[in-house]
Amino acid sequence: MSPGSTTVEDWQRSAAALPIEWKGDLGDDCTAAWAGLTLRAELMKRGSWWWAVYDDRSGETLGSSNDSADRVATGKKARLAAERVAREWLKG
């Protein structure tokens, strides 16, 4: 996760108390809009999953599977990785 230029706003901390609701095909390509962030998870070739978290205001990527050498093998693990990065960023 890169520190970047964006900061967490008070309303985002409040919104973080809400559950994360993923939409789309959880077995292929899904997105969650949560607390001013967009979380994505997508099945790639050869059975690995890509995930990323974006700040909706700035468009900045806050973290992604591209930042890690670890291969994510399931959609559930990809979603959990994105959720972990989003929650950590909001704790800022």
PDB file of N, CA and C in Angstrom:
ATOM      1  N   MET A   1       0.853  -1.167   0.000  1.00  0.00           N
ATOM      2  CA  MET A   1       0.000   0.000   0.000  1.00  0.00           C
ATOM      3  C   MET A   1       0.895   1.224   0.000  1.00  0.00           C
ATOM      4  N   SER A   2       0.665   2.131  -0.926  1.00  0.00           N
ATOM      5  CA  SER A   2       1.464   3.338  -0.990  1.00  0.00           C
ATOM      6  C   SER A   2       0.810   4.453  -0.195  1.00  0.00           C
ATOM      7  N   PRO A   3       1.612   5.294   0.481  1.00  0.00           N
ATOM      8  CA  PRO A   3       1.035   6.346   1.301  1.00  0.00           C
ATOM      9  C   PRO A   3       0.237   7.354   0.493  1.00  0.00           C
ATOM     10  N   GLY A   4       0.689   7.712  -0.682  1.00  0.00           N
ATOM     11  CA  GLY A   4      -0.066   8.575  -1.581  1.00  0.00           C
ATOM     12  C   GLY A   4      -0.421   9.930  -1.014  1.00  0.00           C
ATOM     13  N   SER A   5      -1.158  10.687  -1.787  1.00  0.00           N
ATOM     14  CA  SER A   5      -1.487  12.056  -1.412  1.00  0.00           C
ATOM     15  C   SER A   5      -2.887  12.196  -0.832  1.00  0.00           C
ATOM     16  N   THR A   6      -3.684  11.157  -0.861  1.00  0.00           N
ATOM     17  CA  THR A   6      -5.055  11.271  -0.369  1.00  0.00           C
ATOM     18  C   THR A   6      -5.098  11.013   1.130  1.00  0.00           C
ATOM     19  N   THR A   7      -6.084  11.609   1.761  1.00  0.00           N
ATOM     20  CA  THR A   7      -6.265  11.424   3.192  1.00  0.00           C
ATOM     21  C   THR A   7      -7.671  10.899   3.461  1.00  0.00           C
ATOM     22  N   VAL A   8      -7.830  10.252   4.587  1.00  0.00           N
ATOM     23  CA  VAL A   8      -9.121   9.704   4.982  1.00  0.00           C
ATOM     24  C   VAL A   8      -9.958  10.825   5.582  1.00  0.00           C
ATOM     25  N   GLU A   9     -11.209  10.913   5.158  1.00  0.00           N
ATOM     26  CA  GLU A   9     -12.125  11.912   5.694  1.00  0.00           C
ATOM     27  C   GLU A   9     -12.984  11.279   6.785  1.00  0.00           C
ATOM     28  N   ASP A  10     -13.527  12.115   7.671  1.00  0.00           N
ATOM     29  CA  ASP A  10     -14.335  11.617   8.786  1.00  0.00           C
ATOM     30  C   ASP A  10     -15.507  10.762   8.327  1.00  0.00           C
ATOM     31  N   TRP A  11     -16.195  11.171   7.256  1.00  0.00           N
ATOM     32  CA  TRP A  11     -17.356  10.414   6.788  1.00  0.00           C
ATOM     33  C   TRP A  11     -16.942   9.014   6.333  1.00  0.00           C
ATOM     34  N   GLN A  12     -15.704   8.878   5.831  1.00  0.00           N
ATOM     35  CA  GLN A  12     -15.244   7.564   5.395  1.00  0.00           C
ATOM     36  C   GLN A  12     -15.059   6.633   6.592  1.00  0.00           C
ATOM     37  N   ARG A  13     -14.546   7.170   7.675  1.00  0.00           N
ATOM     38  CA  ARG A  13     -14.383   6.352   8.890  1.00  0.00           C
ATOM     39  C   ARG A  13     -15.754   5.880   9.393  1.00  0.00           C
ATOM     40  N   SER A  14     -16.753   6.764   9.332  1.00  0.00           N
ATOM     41  CA  SER A  14     -18.112   6.381   9.744  1.00  0.00           C
ATOM     42  C   SER A  14     -18.683   5.325   8.807  1.00  0.00           C
ATOM     43  N   ALA A  15     -18.496   5.514   7.513  1.00  0.00           N
ATOM     44  CA  ALA A  15     -19.018   4.575   6.514  1.00  0.00           C
ATOM     45  C   ALA A  15     -18.340   3.212   6.624  1.00  0.00           C
ATOM     46  N   ALA A  16     -17.143   3.176   7.173  1.00  0.00           N
ATOM     47  CA  ALA A  16     -16.409   1.915   7.299  1.00  0.00           C
ATOM     48  C   ALA A  16     -17.086   0.943   8.266  1.00  0.00           C
ATOM     49  N   ALA A  17     -18.033   1.449   9.062  1.00  0.00           N
ATOM     50  CA  ALA A  17     -18.774   0.567   9.966  1.00  0.00           C
ATOM     51  C   ALA A  17     -19.809  -0.273   9.205  1.00  0.00           C
ATOM     52  N   LEU A  18     -20.120   0.127   7.986  1.00  0.00           N
ATOM     53  CA  LEU A  18     -21.082  -0.606   7.167  1.00  0.00           C
ATOM     54  C   LEU A  18     -20.425  -1.842   6.557  1.00  0.00           C
ATOM     55  N   PRO A  19     -21.210  -2.887   6.279  1.00  0.00           N
ATOM     56  CA  PRO A  19     -20.624  -4.087   5.662  1.00  0.00           C
ATOM     57  C   PRO A  19     -20.199  -3.814   4.212  1.00  0.00           C
ATOM     58  N   ILE A  20     -19.233  -4.568   3.761  1.00  0.00           N
ATOM     59  CA  ILE A  20     -18.788  -4.494   2.364  1.00  0.00           C
ATOM     60  C   ILE A  20     -19.658  -5.436   1.558  1.00  0.00           C
ATOM     61  N   GLU A  21     -20.332  -4.909   0.545  1.00  0.00           N
ATOM     62  CA  GLU A  21     -21.218  -5.720  -0.297  1.00  0.00           C
ATOM     63  C   GLU A  21     -20.641  -5.812  -1.704  1.00  0.00           C
ATOM     64  N   TRP A  22     -20.228  -7.006  -2.058  1.00  0.00           N
ATOM     65  CA  TRP A  22     -19.669  -7.249  -3.383  1.00  0.00           C
ATOM     66  C   TRP A  22     -20.796  -7.462  -4.382  1.00  0.00           C
ATOM     67  N   LYS A  23     -20.640  -6.913  -5.577  1.00  0.00           N
ATOM     68  CA  LYS A  23     -21.631  -7.060  -6.647  1.00  0.00           C
ATOM     69  C   LYS A  23     -20.947  -7.634  -7.882  1.00  0.00           C
ATOM     70  N   GLY A  24     -21.747  -8.308  -8.685  1.00  0.00           N
ATOM     71  CA  GLY A  24     -21.212  -8.930  -9.888  1.00  0.00           C
ATOM     72  C   GLY A  24     -21.052 -10.422  -9.674  1.00  0.00           C
ATOM     73  N   ASP A  25     -20.307 -11.039 -10.536  1.00  0.00           N
ATOM     74  CA  ASP A  25     -20.079 -12.479 -10.488  1.00  0.00           C
ATOM     75  C   ASP A  25     -18.912 -12.771  -9.551  1.00  0.00           C
ATOM     76  N   LEU A  26     -19.212 -13.278  -8.350  1.00  0.00           N
ATOM     77  CA  LEU A  26     -18.163 -13.547  -7.372  1.00  0.00           C
ATOM     78  C   LEU A  26     -17.185 -14.616  -7.846  1.00  0.00           C
ATOM     79  N   GLY A  27     -17.559 -15.368  -8.875  1.00  0.00           N
ATOM     80  CA  GLY A  27     -16.685 -16.397  -9.424  1.00  0.00           C
ATOM     81  C   GLY A  27     -15.863 -15.928 -10.602  1.00  0.00           C
ATOM     82  N   ASP A  28     -15.959 -14.636 -10.957  1.00  0.00           N
ATOM     83  CA  ASP A  28     -15.208 -14.148 -12.116  1.00  0.00           C
ATOM     84  C   ASP A  28     -14.746 -12.704 -11.963  1.00  0.00           C
ATOM     85  N   ASP A  29     -15.676 -11.777 -11.795  1.00  0.00           N
ATOM     86  CA  ASP A  29     -15.335 -10.352 -11.811  1.00  0.00           C
ATOM     87  C   ASP A  29     -16.341  -9.614 -10.930  1.00  0.00           C
ATOM     88  N   CYS A  30     -15.878  -9.027  -9.826  1.00  0.00           N
ATOM     89  CA  CYS A  30     -16.802  -8.367  -8.911  1.00  0.00           C
ATOM     90  C   CYS A  30     -16.202  -7.072  -8.366  1.00  0.00           C
ATOM     91  N   THR A  31     -17.104  -6.224  -7.874  1.00  0.00           N
ATOM     92  CA  THR A  31     -16.737  -4.896  -7.396  1.00  0.00           C
ATOM     93  C   THR A  31     -17.525  -4.581  -6.136  1.00  0.00           C
ATOM     94  N   ALA A  32     -16.904  -3.833  -5.240  1.00  0.00           N
ATOM     95  CA  ALA A  32     -17.599  -3.322  -4.056  1.00  0.00           C
ATOM     96  C   ALA A  32     -17.301  -1.833  -3.934  1.00  0.00           C
ATOM     97  N   ALA A  33     -18.355  -1.039  -3.759  1.00  0.00           N
ATOM     98  CA  ALA A  33     -18.213   0.388  -3.463  1.00  0.00           C
ATOM     99  C   ALA A  33     -18.432   0.521  -1.964  1.00  0.00           C
ATOM    100  N   TRP A  34     -17.416   1.036  -1.257  1.00  0.00           N
ATOM    101  CA  TRP A  34     -17.469   1.054   0.202  1.00  0.00           C
ATOM    102  C   TRP A  34     -16.632   2.205   0.762  1.00  0.00           C
ATOM    103  N   ALA A  35     -17.257   3.059   1.539  1.00  0.00           N
ATOM    104  CA  ALA A  35     -16.569   4.128   2.272  1.00  0.00           C
ATOM    105  C   ALA A  35     -15.698   5.006   1.372  1.00  0.00           C
ATOM    106  N   GLY A  36     -16.195   5.312   0.183  1.00  0.00           N
ATOM    107  CA  GLY A  36     -15.439   6.164  -0.733  1.00  0.00           C
ATOM    108  C   GLY A  36     -14.332   5.452  -1.477  1.00  0.00           C
ATOM    109  N   LEU A  37     -14.343   4.126  -1.418  1.00  0.00           N
ATOM    110  CA  LEU A  37     -13.338   3.307  -2.099  1.00  0.00           C
ATOM    111  C   LEU A  37     -14.032   2.353  -3.058  1.00  0.00           C
ATOM    112  N   THR A  38     -13.303   1.934  -4.079  1.00  0.00           N
ATOM    113  CA  THR A  38     -13.765   0.877  -4.969  1.00  0.00           C
ATOM    114  C   THR A  38     -12.818  -0.295  -4.822  1.00  0.00           C
ATOM    115  N   LEU A  39     -13.386  -1.454  -4.516  1.00  0.00           N
ATOM    116  CA  LEU A  39     -12.620  -2.688  -4.380  1.00  0.00           C
ATOM    117  C   LEU A  39     -12.969  -3.566  -5.569  1.00  0.00           C
ATOM    118  N   ARG A  40     -11.954  -4.171  -6.179  1.00  0.00           N
ATOM    119  CA  ARG A  40     -12.182  -5.022  -7.347  1.00  0.00           C
ATOM    120  C   ARG A  40     -11.496  -6.367  -7.155  1.00  0.00           C
ATOM    121  N   ALA A  41     -12.080  -7.405  -7.724  1.00  0.00           N
ATOM    122  CA  ALA A  41     -11.465  -8.731  -7.772  1.00  0.00           C
ATOM    123  C   ALA A  41     -11.858  -9.365  -9.101  1.00  0.00           C
ATOM    124  N   GLU A  42     -10.889  -9.969  -9.757  1.00  0.00           N
ATOM    125  CA  GLU A  42     -11.150 -10.538 -11.083  1.00  0.00           C
ATOM    126  C   GLU A  42     -10.311 -11.790 -11.307  1.00  0.00           C
ATOM    127  N   LEU A  43     -10.954 -12.814 -11.844  1.00  0.00           N
ATOM    128  CA  LEU A  43     -10.275 -14.054 -12.204  1.00  0.00           C
ATOM    129  C   LEU A  43      -9.465 -13.808 -13.470  1.00  0.00           C
ATOM    130  N   MET A  44      -8.192 -14.142 -13.410  1.00  0.00           N
ATOM    131  CA  MET A  44      -7.308 -13.961 -14.555  1.00  0.00           C
ATOM    132  C   MET A  44      -7.013 -15.327 -15.183  1.00  0.00           C
ATOM    133  N   LYS A  45      -6.161 -15.338 -16.161  1.00  0.00           N
ATOM    134  CA  LYS A  45      -5.781 -16.596 -16.808  1.00  0.00           C
ATOM    135  C   LYS A  45      -5.031 -17.499 -15.836  1.00  0.00           C
ATOM    136  N   ARG A  46      -5.092 -18.769 -16.083  1.00  0.00           N
ATOM    137  CA  ARG A  46      -4.407 -19.798 -15.295  1.00  0.00           C
ATOM    138  C   ARG A  46      -4.866 -19.852 -13.846  1.00  0.00           C
ATOM    139  N   GLY A  47      -6.104 -19.421 -13.582  1.00  0.00           N
ATOM    140  CA  GLY A  47      -6.696 -19.603 -12.274  1.00  0.00           C
ATOM    141  C   GLY A  47      -6.224 -18.691 -11.163  1.00  0.00           C
ATOM    142  N   SER A  48      -5.457 -17.662 -11.467  1.00  0.00           N
ATOM    143  CA  SER A  48      -5.066 -16.731 -10.412  1.00  0.00           C
ATOM    144  C   SER A  48      -6.014 -15.536 -10.402  1.00  0.00           C
ATOM    145  N   TRP A  49      -6.078 -14.868  -9.266  1.00  0.00           N
ATOM    146  CA  TRP A  49      -6.976 -13.732  -9.098  1.00  0.00           C
ATOM    147  C   TRP A  49      -6.193 -12.452  -8.937  1.00  0.00           C
ATOM    148  N   TRP A  50      -6.694 -11.401  -9.537  1.00  0.00           N
ATOM    149  CA  TRP A  50      -6.183 -10.046  -9.383  1.00  0.00           C
ATOM    150  C   TRP A  50      -7.155  -9.291  -8.491  1.00  0.00           C
ATOM    151  N   TRP A  51      -6.649  -8.391  -7.666  1.00  0.00           N
ATOM    152  CA  TRP A  51      -7.513  -7.538  -6.845  1.00  0.00           C
ATOM    153  C   TRP A  51      -6.871  -6.155  -6.739  1.00  0.00           C
ATOM    154  N   ALA A  52      -7.695  -5.155  -6.449  1.00  0.00           N
ATOM    155  CA  ALA A  52      -7.193  -3.788  -6.281  1.00  0.00           C
ATOM    156  C   ALA A  52      -8.179  -2.969  -5.468  1.00  0.00           C
ATOM    157  N   VAL A  53      -7.651  -1.894  -4.873  1.00  0.00           N
ATOM    158  CA  VAL A  53      -8.457  -0.937  -4.111  1.00  0.00           C
ATOM    159  C   VAL A  53      -8.114   0.464  -4.616  1.00  0.00           C
ATOM    160  N   TYR A  54      -9.157   1.245  -4.945  1.00  0.00           N
ATOM    161  CA  TYR A  54      -8.975   2.601  -5.455  1.00  0.00           C
ATOM    162  C   TYR A  54      -9.686   3.611  -4.569  1.00  0.00           C
ATOM    163  N   ASP A  55      -9.098   4.790  -4.440  1.00  0.00           N
ATOM    164  CA  ASP A  55      -9.755   5.919  -3.792  1.00  0.00           C
ATOM    165  C   ASP A  55     -10.652   6.565  -4.848  1.00  0.00           C
ATOM    166  N   ASP A  56     -11.951   6.658  -4.577  1.00  0.00           N
ATOM    167  CA  ASP A  56     -12.887   7.201  -5.568  1.00  0.00           C
ATOM    168  C   ASP A  56     -12.629   8.674  -5.875  1.00  0.00           C
ATOM    169  N   ARG A  57     -12.170   9.435  -4.902  1.00  0.00           N
ATOM    170  CA  ARG A  57     -11.910  10.862  -5.113  1.00  0.00           C
ATOM    171  C   ARG A  57     -10.757  11.104  -6.061  1.00  0.00           C
ATOM    172  N   SER A  58      -9.646  10.480  -5.776  1.00  0.00           N
ATOM    173  CA  SER A  58      -8.422  10.760  -6.528  1.00  0.00           C
ATOM    174  C   SER A  58      -8.162   9.771  -7.659  1.00  0.00           C
ATOM    175  N   GLY A  59      -8.789   8.591  -7.588  1.00  0.00           N
ATOM    176  CA  GLY A  59      -8.500   7.544  -8.569  1.00  0.00           C
ATOM    177  C   GLY A  59      -7.217   6.790  -8.254  1.00  0.00           C
ATOM    178  N   GLU A  60      -6.555   7.171  -7.157  1.00  0.00           N
ATOM    179  CA  GLU A  60      -5.295   6.552  -6.764  1.00  0.00           C
ATOM    180  C   GLU A  60      -5.507   5.082  -6.396  1.00  0.00           C
ATOM    181  N   THR A  61      -4.605   4.229  -6.847  1.00  0.00           N
ATOM    182  CA  THR A  61      -4.607   2.832  -6.432  1.00  0.00           C
ATOM    183  C   THR A  61      -3.959   2.755  -5.059  1.00  0.00           C
ATOM    184  N   LEU A  62      -4.709   2.280  -4.079  1.00  0.00           N
ATOM    185  CA  LEU A  62      -4.221   2.201  -2.703  1.00  0.00           C
ATOM    186  C   LEU A  62      -3.492   0.894  -2.434  1.00  0.00           C
ATOM    187  N   GLY A  63      -3.730  -0.100  -3.253  1.00  0.00           N
ATOM    188  CA  GLY A  63      -3.069  -1.385  -3.133  1.00  0.00           C
ATOM    189  C   GLY A  63      -3.645  -2.347  -4.153  1.00  0.00           C
ATOM    190  N   SER A  64      -2.842  -3.326  -4.557  1.00  0.00           N
ATOM    191  CA  SER A  64      -3.333  -4.323  -5.508  1.00  0.00           C
ATOM    192  C   SER A  64      -2.452  -5.563  -5.455  1.00  0.00           C
ATOM    193  N   SER A  65      -2.938  -6.610  -6.089  1.00  0.00           N
ATOM    194  CA  SER A  65      -2.155  -7.834  -6.163  1.00  0.00           C
ATOM    195  C   SER A  65      -0.893  -7.619  -6.992  1.00  0.00           C
ATOM    196  N   ASN A  66      -0.857  -6.568  -7.787  1.00  0.00           N
ATOM    197  CA  ASN A  66       0.346  -6.250  -8.562  1.00  0.00           C
ATOM    198  C   ASN A  66       1.502  -5.853  -7.646  1.00  0.00           C
ATOM    199  N   ASP A  67       1.194  -5.446  -6.411  1.00  0.00           N
ATOM    200  CA  ASP A  67       2.209  -5.028  -5.448  1.00  0.00           C
ATOM    201  C   ASP A  67       2.790  -6.202  -4.676  1.00  0.00           C
ATOM    202  N   SER A  68       2.327  -7.410  -4.956  1.00  0.00           N
ATOM    203  CA  SER A  68       2.721  -8.577  -4.181  1.00  0.00           C
ATOM    204  C   SER A  68       3.141  -9.719  -5.102  1.00  0.00           C
ATOM    205  N   ALA A  69       4.110 -10.476  -4.656  1.00  0.00           N
ATOM    206  CA  ALA A  69       4.537 -11.661  -5.411  1.00  0.00           C
ATOM    207  C   ALA A  69       3.648 -12.860  -5.101  1.00  0.00           C
ATOM    208  N   ASP A  70       2.806 -12.736  -4.076  1.00  0.00           N
ATOM    209  CA  ASP A  70       1.921 -13.831  -3.685  1.00  0.00           C
ATOM    210  C   ASP A  70       0.831 -14.034  -4.722  1.00  0.00           C
ATOM    211  N   ARG A  71       0.631 -15.293  -5.117  1.00  0.00           N
ATOM    212  CA  ARG A  71      -0.439 -15.650  -6.046  1.00  0.00           C
ATOM    213  C   ARG A  71      -1.716 -15.885  -5.250  1.00  0.00           C
ATOM    214  N   VAL A  72      -2.797 -15.266  -5.677  1.00  0.00           N
ATOM    215  CA  VAL A  72      -4.089 -15.450  -5.013  1.00  0.00           C
ATOM    216  C   VAL A  72      -4.884 -16.460  -5.845  1.00  0.00           C
ATOM    217  N   ALA A  73      -5.273 -17.576  -5.218  1.00  0.00           N
ATOM    218  CA  ALA A  73      -5.846 -18.696  -5.957  1.00  0.00           C
ATOM    219  C   ALA A  73      -7.371 -18.755  -5.943  1.00  0.00           C
ATOM    220  N   THR A  74      -8.031 -17.967  -5.075  1.00  0.00           N
ATOM    221  CA  THR A  74      -9.497 -18.022  -5.027  1.00  0.00           C
ATOM    222  C   THR A  74     -10.082 -16.615  -4.987  1.00  0.00           C
ATOM    223  N   GLY A  75     -11.329 -16.521  -5.413  1.00  0.00           N
ATOM    224  CA  GLY A  75     -12.032 -15.248  -5.365  1.00  0.00           C
ATOM    225  C   GLY A  75     -12.213 -14.766  -3.938  1.00  0.00           C
ATOM    226  N   LYS A  76     -12.493 -15.683  -3.034  1.00  0.00           N
ATOM    227  CA  LYS A  76     -12.679 -15.302  -1.636  1.00  0.00           C
ATOM    228  C   LYS A  76     -11.404 -14.677  -1.078  1.00  0.00           C
ATOM    229  N   LYS A  77     -10.245 -15.276  -1.358  1.00  0.00           N
ATOM    230  CA  LYS A  77      -8.975 -14.728  -0.874  1.00  0.00           C
ATOM    231  C   LYS A  77      -8.676 -13.376  -1.520  1.00  0.00           C
ATOM    232  N   ALA A  78      -9.033 -13.210  -2.782  1.00  0.00           N
ATOM    233  CA  ALA A  78      -8.823 -11.922  -3.453  1.00  0.00           C
ATOM    234  C   ALA A  78      -9.696 -10.846  -2.827  1.00  0.00           C
ATOM    235  N   ARG A  79     -10.955 -11.163  -2.567  1.00  0.00           N
ATOM    236  CA  ARG A  79     -11.847 -10.195  -1.927  1.00  0.00           C
ATOM    237  C   ARG A  79     -11.366  -9.846  -0.523  1.00  0.00           C
ATOM    238  N   LEU A  80     -10.927 -10.838   0.230  1.00  0.00           N
ATOM    239  CA  LEU A  80     -10.421 -10.593   1.580  1.00  0.00           C
ATOM    240  C   LEU A  80      -9.158  -9.730   1.555  1.00  0.00           C
ATOM    241  N   ALA A  81      -8.289  -9.956   0.580  1.00  0.00           N
ATOM    242  CA  ALA A  81      -7.073  -9.136   0.457  1.00  0.00           C
ATOM    243  C   ALA A  81      -7.442  -7.682   0.177  1.00  0.00           C
ATOM    244  N   ALA A  82      -8.388  -7.463  -0.727  1.00  0.00           N
ATOM    245  CA  ALA A  82      -8.829  -6.102  -1.031  1.00  0.00           C
ATOM    246  C   ALA A  82      -9.469  -5.457   0.196  1.00  0.00           C
ATOM    247  N   GLU A  83     -10.287  -6.202   0.901  1.00  0.00           N
ATOM    248  CA  GLU A  83     -10.939  -5.680   2.105  1.00  0.00           C
ATOM    249  C   GLU A  83      -9.912  -5.314   3.171  1.00  0.00           C
ATOM    250  N   ARG A  84      -8.889  -6.142   3.339  1.00  0.00           N
ATOM    251  CA  ARG A  84      -7.846  -5.876   4.329  1.00  0.00           C
ATOM    252  C   ARG A  84      -7.116  -4.567   4.010  1.00  0.00           C
ATOM    253  N   VAL A  85      -6.752  -4.378   2.753  1.00  0.00           N
ATOM    254  CA  VAL A  85      -6.059  -3.144   2.351  1.00  0.00           C
ATOM    255  C   VAL A  85      -6.974  -1.939   2.557  1.00  0.00           C
ATOM    256  N   ALA A  86      -8.235  -2.062   2.197  1.00  0.00           N
ATOM    257  CA  ALA A  86      -9.174  -0.940   2.364  1.00  0.00           C
ATOM    258  C   ALA A  86      -9.329  -0.581   3.832  1.00  0.00           C
ATOM    259  N   ARG A  87      -9.498  -1.562   4.684  1.00  0.00           N
ATOM    260  CA  ARG A  87      -9.658  -1.297   6.119  1.00  0.00           C
ATOM    261  C   ARG A  87      -8.391  -0.680   6.718  1.00  0.00           C
ATOM    262  N   GLU A  88      -7.237  -1.189   6.319  1.00  0.00           N
ATOM    263  CA  GLU A  88      -5.968  -0.641   6.819  1.00  0.00           C
ATOM    264  C   GLU A  88      -5.812   0.812   6.392  1.00  0.00           C
ATOM    265  N   TRP A  89      -6.164   1.111   5.150  1.00  0.00           N
ATOM    266  CA  TRP A  89      -6.030   2.485   4.661  1.00  0.00           C
ATOM    267  C   TRP A  89      -6.954   3.418   5.436  1.00  0.00           C
ATOM    268  N   LEU A  90      -8.163   2.975   5.706  1.00  0.00           N
ATOM    269  CA  LEU A  90      -9.116   3.818   6.428  1.00  0.00           C
ATOM    270  C   LEU A  90      -8.692   4.072   7.876  1.00  0.00           C
ATOM    271  N   LYS A  91      -7.915   3.154   8.443  1.00  0.00           N
ATOM    272  CA  LYS A  91      -7.404   3.370   9.806  1.00  0.00           C
ATOM    273  C   LYS A  91      -6.331   4.452   9.797  1.00  0.00           C
ATOM    274  N   GLY A  92      -5.687   4.598   8.616  1.00  0.00           N
ATOM    275  CA  GLY A  92      -4.668   5.591   8.353  1.00  0.00           C
ATOM    276  C   GLY A  92      -3.990   6.116   9.495  1.00  0.00           C
TER     277      GLY A  92
END
